[in-house]
Amino acid sequence: MSKRRPIYRVIFQNQGQTYEVYASEIYQSDLHGFIEVEEFLFDERSGVLVDPSEEKLKSEFSGVLRSYIPMHAVIRIDEVEKEGVGKITESRTDPRNSNVSPFPMPPGPGK
């Protein structure tokens, strides 16, 4: 019996948006405070309908072999049975409207 290849759904925040990506490899990075995501999976449908959010995600990660995501940006990682459709959505950072808010960060230099 062959072992099936794991599929992970990674949900994280980046620049005011929530990303949902699928990958087959995830590791704790040697860079302190980061996770490594490799082998991104994108739905290769041959249909006529095109999801603009998924197309934006494909173009953003095209040519990326490995991505380092800060641990404080990760909302959730799930091992799933099958690949879904990746997407980018606007984050709702108002705590009255959402139960997800960005991790507080110190002000940048010169602020």
PDB file of N, CA and C in Angstrom:
ATOM      1  N   MET A   1       0.845  -1.180   0.000  1.00  0.00           N
ATOM      2  CA  MET A   1       0.000   0.000   0.000  1.00  0.00           C
ATOM      3  C   MET A   1       0.889   1.241   0.000  1.00  0.00           C
ATOM      4  N   SER A   2       0.683   2.132  -0.952  1.00  0.00           N
ATOM      5  CA  SER A   2       1.510   3.328  -1.039  1.00  0.00           C
ATOM      6  C   SER A   2       0.986   4.410  -0.095  1.00  0.00           C
ATOM      7  N   LYS A   3       1.910   5.130   0.473  1.00  0.00           N
ATOM      8  CA  LYS A   3       1.554   6.207   1.386  1.00  0.00           C
ATOM      9  C   LYS A   3       1.167   7.439   0.576  1.00  0.00           C
ATOM     10  N   ARG A   4       0.055   8.049   0.914  1.00  0.00           N
ATOM     11  CA  ARG A   4      -0.391   9.224   0.176  1.00  0.00           C
ATOM     12  C   ARG A   4       0.435  10.440   0.580  1.00  0.00           C
ATOM     13  N   ARG A   5       0.601  11.325  -0.351  1.00  0.00           N
ATOM     14  CA  ARG A   5       1.363  12.546  -0.130  1.00  0.00           C
ATOM     15  C   ARG A   5       0.509  13.527   0.675  1.00  0.00           C
ATOM     16  N   PRO A   6       1.031  14.067   1.776  1.00  0.00           N
ATOM     17  CA  PRO A   6       0.215  14.989   2.581  1.00  0.00           C
ATOM     18  C   PRO A   6      -0.028  16.302   1.853  1.00  0.00           C
ATOM     19  N   ILE A   7      -1.173  16.895   2.124  1.00  0.00           N
ATOM     20  CA  ILE A   7      -1.536  18.196   1.578  1.00  0.00           C
ATOM     21  C   ILE A   7      -1.889  19.093   2.760  1.00  0.00           C
ATOM     22  N   TYR A   8      -1.285  20.262   2.804  1.00  0.00           N
ATOM     23  CA  TYR A   8      -1.515  21.203   3.891  1.00  0.00           C
ATOM     24  C   TYR A   8      -2.175  22.467   3.367  1.00  0.00           C
ATOM     25  N   ARG A   9      -3.156  22.956   4.133  1.00  0.00           N
ATOM     26  CA  ARG A   9      -3.768  24.255   3.865  1.00  0.00           C
ATOM     27  C   ARG A   9      -3.157  25.224   4.883  1.00  0.00           C
ATOM     28  N   VAL A  10      -2.521  26.276   4.386  1.00  0.00           N
ATOM     29  CA  VAL A  10      -1.872  27.263   5.244  1.00  0.00           C
ATOM     30  C   VAL A  10      -2.614  28.580   5.071  1.00  0.00           C
ATOM     31  N   ILE A  11      -3.097  29.127   6.187  1.00  0.00           N
ATOM     32  CA  ILE A  11      -3.797  30.408   6.163  1.00  0.00           C
ATOM     33  C   ILE A  11      -2.955  31.392   6.959  1.00  0.00           C
ATOM     34  N   PHE A  12      -2.607  32.511   6.309  1.00  0.00           N
ATOM     35  CA  PHE A  12      -1.768  33.501   6.983  1.00  0.00           C
ATOM     36  C   PHE A  12      -2.122  34.901   6.505  1.00  0.00           C
ATOM     37  N   GLN A  13      -1.679  35.890   7.279  1.00  0.00           N
ATOM     38  CA  GLN A  13      -1.930  37.282   6.938  1.00  0.00           C
ATOM     39  C   GLN A  13      -0.679  37.907   6.356  1.00  0.00           C
ATOM     40  N   ASN A  14      -0.897  38.766   5.346  1.00  0.00           N
ATOM     41  CA  ASN A  14       0.208  39.466   4.710  1.00  0.00           C
ATOM     42  C   ASN A  14      -0.306  40.793   4.166  1.00  0.00           C
ATOM     43  N   GLN A  15       0.213  41.894   4.660  1.00  0.00           N
ATOM     44  CA  GLN A  15      -0.110  43.239   4.195  1.00  0.00           C
ATOM     45  C   GLN A  15      -1.616  43.489   4.110  1.00  0.00           C
ATOM     46  N   GLY A  16      -2.320  43.199   5.183  1.00  0.00           N
ATOM     47  CA  GLY A  16      -3.743  43.478   5.258  1.00  0.00           C
ATOM     48  C   GLY A  16      -4.633  42.505   4.505  1.00  0.00           C
ATOM     49  N   GLN A  17      -4.064  41.403   4.020  1.00  0.00           N
ATOM     50  CA  GLN A  17      -4.849  40.405   3.309  1.00  0.00           C
ATOM     51  C   GLN A  17      -4.631  39.038   3.948  1.00  0.00           C
ATOM     52  N   THR A  18      -5.625  38.181   3.806  1.00  0.00           N
ATOM     53  CA  THR A  18      -5.533  36.816   4.295  1.00  0.00           C
ATOM     54  C   THR A  18      -5.312  35.893   3.106  1.00  0.00           C
ATOM     55  N   TYR A  19      -4.232  35.121   3.169  1.00  0.00           N
ATOM     56  CA  TYR A  19      -3.866  34.191   2.105  1.00  0.00           C
ATOM     57  C   TYR A  19      -4.231  32.780   2.537  1.00  0.00           C
ATOM     58  N   GLU A  20      -4.776  32.012   1.621  1.00  0.00           N
ATOM     59  CA  GLU A  20      -5.021  30.587   1.829  1.00  0.00           C
ATOM     60  C   GLU A  20      -4.313  29.863   0.696  1.00  0.00           C
ATOM     61  N   VAL A  21      -3.263  29.107   1.042  1.00  0.00           N
ATOM     62  CA  VAL A  21      -2.482  28.389   0.042  1.00  0.00           C
ATOM     63  C   VAL A  21      -2.434  26.913   0.411  1.00  0.00           C
ATOM     64  N   TYR A  22      -2.160  26.096  -0.589  1.00  0.00           N
ATOM     65  CA  TYR A  22      -2.020  24.654  -0.398  1.00  0.00           C
ATOM     66  C   TYR A  22      -0.605  24.261  -0.786  1.00  0.00           C
ATOM     67  N   ALA A  23      -0.003  23.394   0.023  1.00  0.00           N
ATOM     68  CA  ALA A  23       1.376  22.963  -0.221  1.00  0.00           C
ATOM     69  C   ALA A  23       1.544  21.540   0.277  1.00  0.00           C
ATOM     70  N   SER A  24       2.591  20.887  -0.223  1.00  0.00           N
ATOM     71  CA  SER A  24       2.827  19.506   0.210  1.00  0.00           C
ATOM     72  C   SER A  24       3.990  19.385   1.185  1.00  0.00           C
ATOM     73  N   GLU A  25       4.710  20.474   1.435  1.00  0.00           N
ATOM     74  CA  GLU A  25       5.838  20.440   2.372  1.00  0.00           C
ATOM     75  C   GLU A  25       5.810  21.678   3.268  1.00  0.00           C
ATOM     76  N   ILE A  26       5.876  21.459   4.586  1.00  0.00           N
ATOM     77  CA  ILE A  26       5.947  22.553   5.561  1.00  0.00           C
ATOM     78  C   ILE A  26       6.955  22.157   6.629  1.00  0.00           C
ATOM     79  N   TYR A  27       7.826  23.108   6.971  1.00  0.00           N
ATOM     80  CA  TYR A  27       8.861  22.850   7.978  1.00  0.00           C
ATOM     81  C   TYR A  27       8.999  24.047   8.898  1.00  0.00           C
ATOM     82  N   GLN A  28       9.505  23.786  10.108  1.00  0.00           N
ATOM     83  CA  GLN A  28       9.951  24.877  10.953  1.00  0.00           C
ATOM     84  C   GLN A  28      11.302  25.301  10.406  1.00  0.00           C
ATOM     85  N   SER A  29      11.472  26.576  10.166  1.00  0.00           N
ATOM     86  CA  SER A  29      12.673  27.077   9.508  1.00  0.00           C
ATOM     87  C   SER A  29      13.854  27.188  10.460  1.00  0.00           C
ATOM     88  N   ASP A  30      15.053  27.165   9.879  1.00  0.00           N
ATOM     89  CA  ASP A  30      16.257  27.461  10.650  1.00  0.00           C
ATOM     90  C   ASP A  30      16.322  28.950  10.981  1.00  0.00           C
ATOM     91  N   LEU A  31      15.597  29.769  10.209  1.00  0.00           N
ATOM     92  CA  LEU A  31      15.471  31.181  10.536  1.00  0.00           C
ATOM     93  C   LEU A  31      14.477  31.292  11.685  1.00  0.00           C
ATOM     94  N   HIS A  32      14.933  31.782  12.800  1.00  0.00           N
ATOM     95  CA  HIS A  32      14.105  31.831  14.003  1.00  0.00           C
ATOM     96  C   HIS A  32      12.804  32.605  13.756  1.00  0.00           C
ATOM     97  N   GLY A  33      11.667  31.980  14.107  1.00  0.00           N
ATOM     98  CA  GLY A  33      10.374  32.635  14.008  1.00  0.00           C
ATOM     99  C   GLY A  33       9.674  32.500  12.671  1.00  0.00           C
ATOM    100  N   PHE A  34      10.166  31.637  11.788  1.00  0.00           N
ATOM    101  CA  PHE A  34       9.564  31.457  10.477  1.00  0.00           C
ATOM    102  C   PHE A  34       9.219  29.987  10.247  1.00  0.00           C
ATOM    103  N   ILE A  35       8.226  29.757   9.370  1.00  0.00           N
ATOM    104  CA  ILE A  35       7.986  28.420   8.845  1.00  0.00           C
ATOM    105  C   ILE A  35       8.320  28.450   7.357  1.00  0.00           C
ATOM    106  N   GLU A  36       8.742  27.311   6.836  1.00  0.00           N
ATOM    107  CA  GLU A  36       9.045  27.186   5.409  1.00  0.00           C
ATOM    108  C   GLU A  36       7.904  26.448   4.734  1.00  0.00           C
ATOM    109  N   VAL A  37       7.438  26.992   3.640  1.00  0.00           N
ATOM    110  CA  VAL A  37       6.383  26.353   2.847  1.00  0.00           C
ATOM    111  C   VAL A  37       6.963  26.084   1.471  1.00  0.00           C
ATOM    112  N   GLU A  38       6.912  24.814   1.046  1.00  0.00           N
ATOM    113  CA  GLU A  38       7.465  24.403  -0.248  1.00  0.00           C
ATOM    114  C   GLU A  38       6.415  23.650  -1.045  1.00  0.00           C
ATOM    115  N   GLU A  39       6.680  23.531  -2.324  1.00  0.00           N
ATOM    116  CA  GLU A  39       5.842  22.759  -3.249  1.00  0.00           C
ATOM    117  C   GLU A  39       4.380  23.211  -3.190  1.00  0.00           C
ATOM    118  N   PHE A  40       4.183  24.464  -3.585  1.00  0.00           N
ATOM    119  CA  PHE A  40       2.827  25.019  -3.629  1.00  0.00           C
ATOM    120  C   PHE A  40       1.986  24.231  -4.624  1.00  0.00           C
ATOM    121  N   LEU A  41       0.727  24.030  -4.268  1.00  0.00           N
ATOM    122  CA  LEU A  41      -0.196  23.289  -5.123  1.00  0.00           C
ATOM    123  C   LEU A  41      -1.287  24.238  -5.599  1.00  0.00           C
ATOM    124  N   PHE A  42      -1.503  24.264  -6.899  1.00  0.00           N
ATOM    125  CA  PHE A  42      -2.565  25.078  -7.469  1.00  0.00           C
ATOM    126  C   PHE A  42      -3.473  24.184  -8.280  1.00  0.00           C
ATOM    127  N   ASP A  43      -4.767  24.449  -8.189  1.00  0.00           N
ATOM    128  CA  ASP A  43      -5.761  23.663  -8.911  1.00  0.00           C
ATOM    129  C   ASP A  43      -5.555  23.874 -10.402  1.00  0.00           C
ATOM    130  N   GLU A  44      -5.299  22.811 -11.121  1.00  0.00           N
ATOM    131  CA  GLU A  44      -5.056  22.889 -12.567  1.00  0.00           C
ATOM    132  C   GLU A  44      -6.318  22.466 -13.321  1.00  0.00           C
ATOM    133  N   ARG A  45      -7.345  23.278 -13.195  1.00  0.00           N
ATOM    134  CA  ARG A  45      -8.597  22.990 -13.888  1.00  0.00           C
ATOM    135  C   ARG A  45      -8.504  23.408 -15.342  1.00  0.00           C
ATOM    136  N   SER A  46      -9.197  22.711 -16.164  1.00  0.00           N
ATOM    137  CA  SER A  46      -9.206  23.080 -17.582  1.00  0.00           C
ATOM    138  C   SER A  46     -10.553  23.687 -17.968  1.00  0.00           C
ATOM    139  N   GLY A  47     -11.200  24.321 -17.019  1.00  0.00           N
ATOM    140  CA  GLY A  47     -12.499  24.906 -17.290  1.00  0.00           C
ATOM    141  C   GLY A  47     -12.399  26.309 -17.849  1.00  0.00           C
ATOM    142  N   VAL A  48     -13.536  26.856 -18.207  1.00  0.00           N
ATOM    143  CA  VAL A  48     -13.601  28.184 -18.787  1.00  0.00           C
ATOM    144  C   VAL A  48     -13.610  29.249 -17.691  1.00  0.00           C
ATOM    145  N   LEU A  49     -14.173  28.922 -16.522  1.00  0.00           N
ATOM    146  CA  LEU A  49     -14.258  29.890 -15.438  1.00  0.00           C
ATOM    147  C   LEU A  49     -12.880  30.130 -14.830  1.00  0.00           C
ATOM    148  N   VAL A  50     -12.555  31.395 -14.606  1.00  0.00           N
ATOM    149  CA  VAL A  50     -11.277  31.767 -14.012  1.00  0.00           C
ATOM    150  C   VAL A  50     -11.552  32.566 -12.746  1.00  0.00           C
ATOM    151  N   ASP A  51     -10.979  32.135 -11.636  1.00  0.00           N
ATOM    152  CA  ASP A  51     -11.128  32.837 -10.369  1.00  0.00           C
ATOM    153  C   ASP A  51     -10.014  33.876 -10.277  1.00  0.00           C
ATOM    154  N   PRO A  52     -10.334  35.180 -10.281  1.00  0.00           N
ATOM    155  CA  PRO A  52      -9.293  36.207 -10.259  1.00  0.00           C
ATOM    156  C   PRO A  52      -8.406  36.129  -9.015  1.00  0.00           C
ATOM    157  N   SER A  53      -8.978  35.753  -7.869  1.00  0.00           N
ATOM    158  CA  SER A  53      -8.193  35.643  -6.640  1.00  0.00           C
ATOM    159  C   SER A  53      -7.155  34.531  -6.758  1.00  0.00           C
ATOM    160  N   GLU A  54      -7.552  33.409  -7.332  1.00  0.00           N
ATOM    161  CA  GLU A  54      -6.616  32.304  -7.507  1.00  0.00           C
ATOM    162  C   GLU A  54      -5.545  32.653  -8.533  1.00  0.00           C
ATOM    163  N   GLU A  55      -5.914  33.365  -9.580  1.00  0.00           N
ATOM    164  CA  GLU A  55      -4.946  33.779 -10.590  1.00  0.00           C
ATOM    165  C   GLU A  55      -3.917  34.746 -10.002  1.00  0.00           C
ATOM    166  N   LYS A  56      -4.369  35.640  -9.131  1.00  0.00           N
ATOM    167  CA  LYS A  56      -3.454  36.571  -8.463  1.00  0.00           C
ATOM    168  C   LYS A  56      -2.480  35.795  -7.583  1.00  0.00           C
ATOM    169  N   LEU A  57      -2.981  34.796  -6.885  1.00  0.00           N
ATOM    170  CA  LEU A  57      -2.140  33.960  -6.028  1.00  0.00           C
ATOM    171  C   LEU A  57      -1.110  33.188  -6.853  1.00  0.00           C
ATOM    172  N   LYS A  58      -1.548  32.631  -7.982  1.00  0.00           N
ATOM    173  CA  LYS A  58      -0.625  31.900  -8.869  1.00  0.00           C
ATOM    174  C   LYS A  58       0.483  32.804  -9.375  1.00  0.00           C
ATOM    175  N   SER A  59       0.122  34.012  -9.794  1.00  0.00           N
ATOM    176  CA  SER A  59       1.145  34.911 -10.329  1.00  0.00           C
ATOM    177  C   SER A  59       2.093  35.387  -9.231  1.00  0.00           C
ATOM    178  N   GLU A  60       1.583  35.585  -8.025  1.00  0.00           N
ATOM    179  CA  GLU A  60       2.440  36.025  -6.923  1.00  0.00           C
ATOM    180  C   GLU A  60       3.448  34.956  -6.526  1.00  0.00           C
ATOM    181  N   PHE A  61       3.049  33.684  -6.599  1.00  0.00           N
ATOM    182  CA  PHE A  61       3.932  32.599  -6.181  1.00  0.00           C
ATOM    183  C   PHE A  61       4.568  31.856  -7.356  1.00  0.00           C
ATOM    184  N   SER A  62       4.426  32.368  -8.576  1.00  0.00           N
ATOM    185  CA  SER A  62       5.055  31.695  -9.703  1.00  0.00           C
ATOM    186  C   SER A  62       6.567  31.830  -9.585  1.00  0.00           C
ATOM    187  N   GLY A  63       7.258  30.739  -9.763  1.00  0.00           N
ATOM    188  CA  GLY A  63       8.711  30.725  -9.656  1.00  0.00           C
ATOM    189  C   GLY A  63       9.238  30.656  -8.236  1.00  0.00           C
ATOM    190  N   VAL A  64       8.351  30.648  -7.234  1.00  0.00           N
ATOM    191  CA  VAL A  64       8.783  30.568  -5.834  1.00  0.00           C
ATOM    192  C   VAL A  64       9.001  29.101  -5.472  1.00  0.00           C
ATOM    193  N   LEU A  65      10.217  28.786  -5.063  1.00  0.00           N
ATOM    194  CA  LEU A  65      10.527  27.423  -4.643  1.00  0.00           C
ATOM    195  C   LEU A  65      10.193  27.203  -3.179  1.00  0.00           C
ATOM    196  N   ARG A  66      10.446  28.214  -2.367  1.00  0.00           N
ATOM    197  CA  ARG A  66      10.225  28.101  -0.926  1.00  0.00           C
ATOM    198  C   ARG A  66       9.846  29.477  -0.408  1.00  0.00           C
ATOM    199  N   SER A  67       8.867  29.524   0.484  1.00  0.00           N
ATOM    200  CA  SER A  67       8.458  30.786   1.077  1.00  0.00           C
ATOM    201  C   SER A  67       8.648  30.698   2.581  1.00  0.00           C
ATOM    202  N   TYR A  68       9.182  31.770   3.172  1.00  0.00           N
ATOM    203  CA  TYR A  68       9.375  31.855   4.612  1.00  0.00           C
ATOM    204  C   TYR A  68       8.284  32.768   5.162  1.00  0.00           C
ATOM    205  N   ILE A  69       7.432  32.217   6.008  1.00  0.00           N
ATOM    206  CA  ILE A  69       6.299  32.964   6.547  1.00  0.00           C
ATOM    207  C   ILE A  69       6.530  33.155   8.044  1.00  0.00           C
ATOM    208  N   PRO A  70       6.449  34.404   8.535  1.00  0.00           N
ATOM    209  CA  PRO A  70       6.625  34.625   9.972  1.00  0.00           C
ATOM    210  C   PRO A  70       5.554  33.882  10.764  1.00  0.00           C
ATOM    211  N   MET A  71       5.969  33.234  11.846  1.00  0.00           N
ATOM    212  CA  MET A  71       5.020  32.447  12.641  1.00  0.00           C
ATOM    213  C   MET A  71       3.864  33.289  13.168  1.00  0.00           C
ATOM    214  N   HIS A  72       4.134  34.561  13.513  1.00  0.00           N
ATOM    215  CA  HIS A  72       3.061  35.395  14.054  1.00  0.00           C
ATOM    216  C   HIS A  72       2.024  35.758  12.995  1.00  0.00           C
ATOM    217  N   ALA A  73       2.335  35.548  11.703  1.00  0.00           N
ATOM    218  CA  ALA A  73       1.380  35.831  10.633  1.00  0.00           C
ATOM    219  C   ALA A  73       0.479  34.636  10.337  1.00  0.00           C
ATOM    220  N   VAL A  74       0.878  33.448  10.809  1.00  0.00           N
ATOM    221  CA  VAL A  74       0.111  32.226  10.522  1.00  0.00           C
ATOM    222  C   VAL A  74      -1.137  32.195  11.389  1.00  0.00           C
ATOM    223  N   ILE A  75      -2.259  31.994  10.739  1.00  0.00           N
ATOM    224  CA  ILE A  75      -3.530  31.864  11.441  1.00  0.00           C
ATOM    225  C   ILE A  75      -3.811  30.391  11.730  1.00  0.00           C
ATOM    226  N   ARG A  76      -3.546  29.541  10.717  1.00  0.00           N
ATOM    227  CA  ARG A  76      -3.896  28.131  10.872  1.00  0.00           C
ATOM    228  C   ARG A  76      -3.187  27.297   9.820  1.00  0.00           C
ATOM    229  N   ILE A  77      -2.833  26.057  10.202  1.00  0.00           N
ATOM    230  CA  ILE A  77      -2.292  25.075   9.263  1.00  0.00           C
ATOM    231  C   ILE A  77      -3.084  23.787   9.472  1.00  0.00           C
ATOM    232  N   ASP A  78      -3.667  23.267   8.396  1.00  0.00           N
ATOM    233  CA  ASP A  78      -4.441  22.026   8.453  1.00  0.00           C
ATOM    234  C   ASP A  78      -3.873  21.031   7.459  1.00  0.00           C
ATOM    235  N   GLU A  79      -3.826  19.762   7.850  1.00  0.00           N
ATOM    236  CA  GLU A  79      -3.560  18.711   6.869  1.00  0.00           C
ATOM    237  C   GLU A  79      -4.921  18.289   6.343  1.00  0.00           C
ATOM    238  N   VAL A  80      -5.100  18.353   5.029  1.00  0.00           N
ATOM    239  CA  VAL A  80      -6.400  18.085   4.420  1.00  0.00           C
ATOM    240  C   VAL A  80      -6.311  16.871   3.502  1.00  0.00           C
ATOM    241  N   GLU A  81      -7.456  16.308   3.160  1.00  0.00           N
ATOM    242  CA  GLU A  81      -7.492  15.124   2.306  1.00  0.00           C
ATOM    243  C   GLU A  81      -7.236  15.450   0.849  1.00  0.00           C
ATOM    244  N   LYS A  82      -7.740  16.601   0.396  1.00  0.00           N
ATOM    245  CA  LYS A  82      -7.521  16.957  -1.001  1.00  0.00           C
ATOM    246  C   LYS A  82      -7.317  18.459  -1.113  1.00  0.00           C
ATOM    247  N   GLU A  83      -6.660  18.832  -2.178  1.00  0.00           N
ATOM    248  CA  GLU A  83      -6.334  20.224  -2.444  1.00  0.00           C
ATOM    249  C   GLU A  83      -7.596  21.018  -2.745  1.00  0.00           C
ATOM    250  N   GLY A  84      -7.637  22.240  -2.239  1.00  0.00           N
ATOM    251  CA  GLY A  84      -8.739  23.143  -2.524  1.00  0.00           C
ATOM    252  C   GLY A  84      -8.260  24.280  -3.397  1.00  0.00           C
ATOM    253  N   VAL A  85      -9.075  25.296  -3.482  1.00  0.00           N
ATOM    254  CA  VAL A  85      -8.742  26.465  -4.288  1.00  0.00           C
ATOM    255  C   VAL A  85      -8.105  27.511  -3.384  1.00  0.00           C
ATOM    256  N   GLY A  86      -6.893  27.913  -3.705  1.00  0.00           N
ATOM    257  CA  GLY A  86      -6.221  28.957  -2.952  1.00  0.00           C
ATOM    258  C   GLY A  86      -6.876  30.298  -3.218  1.00  0.00           C
ATOM    259  N   LYS A  87      -6.747  31.207  -2.255  1.00  0.00           N
ATOM    260  CA  LYS A  87      -7.382  32.510  -2.454  1.00  0.00           C
ATOM    261  C   LYS A  87      -6.726  33.576  -1.590  1.00  0.00           C
ATOM    262  N   ILE A  88      -6.966  34.806  -1.966  1.00  0.00           N
ATOM    263  CA  ILE A  88      -6.541  35.970  -1.197  1.00  0.00           C
ATOM    264  C   ILE A  88      -7.800  36.778  -0.910  1.00  0.00           C
ATOM    265  N   THR A  89      -8.009  37.107   0.360  1.00  0.00           N
ATOM    266  CA  THR A  89      -9.171  37.914   0.736  1.00  0.00           C
ATOM    267  C   THR A  89      -8.700  39.082   1.593  1.00  0.00           C
ATOM    268  N   GLU A  90      -9.480  40.138   1.608  1.00  0.00           N
ATOM    269  CA  GLU A  90      -9.161  41.289   2.446  1.00  0.00           C
ATOM    270  C   GLU A  90      -9.371  40.895   3.906  1.00  0.00           C
ATOM    271  N   SER A  91      -8.413  41.258   4.757  1.00  0.00           N
ATOM    272  CA  SER A  91      -8.535  40.983   6.193  1.00  0.00           C
ATOM    273  C   SER A  91      -9.443  42.018   6.825  1.00  0.00           C
ATOM    274  N   ARG A  92     -10.249  41.562   7.736  1.00  0.00           N
ATOM    275  CA  ARG A  92     -11.066  42.478   8.530  1.00  0.00           C
ATOM    276  C   ARG A  92     -10.368  42.606   9.872  1.00  0.00           C
ATOM    277  N   THR A  93      -9.648  43.698  10.062  1.00  0.00           N
ATOM    278  CA  THR A  93      -8.856  43.849  11.271  1.00  0.00           C
ATOM    279  C   THR A  93      -9.616  44.524  12.405  1.00  0.00           C
ATOM    280  N   ASP A  94     -10.832  44.963  12.171  1.00  0.00           N
ATOM    281  CA  ASP A  94     -11.637  45.543  13.235  1.00  0.00           C
ATOM    282  C   ASP A  94     -12.114  44.411  14.135  1.00  0.00           C
ATOM    283  N   PRO A  95     -11.673  44.370  15.410  1.00  0.00           N
ATOM    284  CA  PRO A  95     -12.028  43.239  16.276  1.00  0.00           C
ATOM    285  C   PRO A  95     -13.525  43.086  16.500  1.00  0.00           C
ATOM    286  N   ARG A  96     -14.294  44.137  16.250  1.00  0.00           N
ATOM    287  CA  ARG A  96     -15.748  44.009  16.406  1.00  0.00           C
ATOM    288  C   ARG A  96     -16.364  43.211  15.269  1.00  0.00           C
ATOM    289  N   ASN A  97     -15.662  43.128  14.127  1.00  0.00           N
ATOM    290  CA  ASN A  97     -16.199  42.440  12.960  1.00  0.00           C
ATOM    291  C   ASN A  97     -15.535  41.096  12.697  1.00  0.00           C
ATOM    292  N   SER A  98     -14.467  40.776  13.409  1.00  0.00           N
ATOM    293  CA  SER A  98     -13.725  39.562  13.117  1.00  0.00           C
ATOM    294  C   SER A  98     -13.105  39.003  14.386  1.00  0.00           C
ATOM    295  N   ASN A  99     -12.900  37.703  14.404  1.00  0.00           N
ATOM    296  CA  ASN A  99     -12.217  37.087  15.531  1.00  0.00           C
ATOM    297  C   ASN A  99     -10.738  36.874  15.227  1.00  0.00           C
ATOM    298  N   VAL A 100     -10.250  37.431  14.106  1.00  0.00           N
ATOM    299  CA  VAL A 100      -8.839  37.343  13.724  1.00  0.00           C
ATOM    300  C   VAL A 100      -8.293  38.752  13.618  1.00  0.00           C
ATOM    301  N   SER A 101      -7.199  39.017  14.324  1.00  0.00           N
ATOM    302  CA  SER A 101      -6.562  40.323  14.204  1.00  0.00           C
ATOM    303  C   SER A 101      -5.058  40.126  14.107  1.00  0.00           C
ATOM    304  N   PRO A 102      -4.372  41.068  13.461  1.00  0.00           N
ATOM    305  CA  PRO A 102      -2.931  40.911  13.294  1.00  0.00           C
ATOM    306  C   PRO A 102      -2.200  41.003  14.624  1.00  0.00           C
ATOM    307  N   PHE A 103      -1.060  40.328  14.702  1.00  0.00           N
ATOM    308  CA  PHE A 103      -0.225  40.368  15.886  1.00  0.00           C
ATOM    309  C   PHE A 103       0.339  41.770  16.019  1.00  0.00           C
ATOM    310  N   PRO A 104       0.287  42.363  17.223  1.00  0.00           N
ATOM    311  CA  PRO A 104       0.808  43.724  17.363  1.00  0.00           C
ATOM    312  C   PRO A 104       2.307  43.772  17.097  1.00  0.00           C
ATOM    313  N   MET A 105       2.711  44.744  16.298  1.00  0.00           N
ATOM    314  CA  MET A 105       4.117  44.893  15.942  1.00  0.00           C
ATOM    315  C   MET A 105       4.622  46.245  16.433  1.00  0.00           C
ATOM    316  N   PRO A 106       5.897  46.321  16.843  1.00  0.00           N
ATOM    317  CA  PRO A 106       6.444  47.625  17.247  1.00  0.00           C
ATOM    318  C   PRO A 106       6.547  48.535  16.030  1.00  0.00           C
ATOM    319  N   PRO A 107       6.503  49.840  16.263  1.00  0.00           N
ATOM    320  CA  PRO A 107       6.628  50.762  15.123  1.00  0.00           C
ATOM    321  C   PRO A 107       7.984  50.597  14.440  1.00  0.00           C
ATOM    322  N   GLY A 108       8.000  50.852  13.146  1.00  0.00           N
ATOM    323  CA  GLY A 108       9.233  50.729  12.367  1.00  0.00           C
ATOM    324  C   GLY A 108      10.200  51.862  12.691  1.00  0.00           C
ATOM    325  N   PRO A 109      11.376  51.805  12.114  1.00  0.00           N
ATOM    326  CA  PRO A 109      12.376  52.840  12.379  1.00  0.00           C
ATOM    327  C   PRO A 109      11.888  54.222  11.942  1.00  0.00           C
ATOM    328  N   GLY A 110      12.184  55.214  12.761  1.00  0.00           N
ATOM    329  CA  GLY A 110      11.822  56.583  12.423  1.00  0.00           C
ATOM    330  C   GLY A 110      10.378  56.933  12.685  1.00  0.00           C
ATOM    331  N   LYS A 111       9.634  56.072  13.386  1.00  0.00           N
ATOM    332  CA  LYS A 111       8.217  56.369  13.655  1.00  0.00           C
ATOM    333  C   LYS A 111       7.999  56.642  15.117  1.00  0.00           C
TER     334      LYS A 111
END
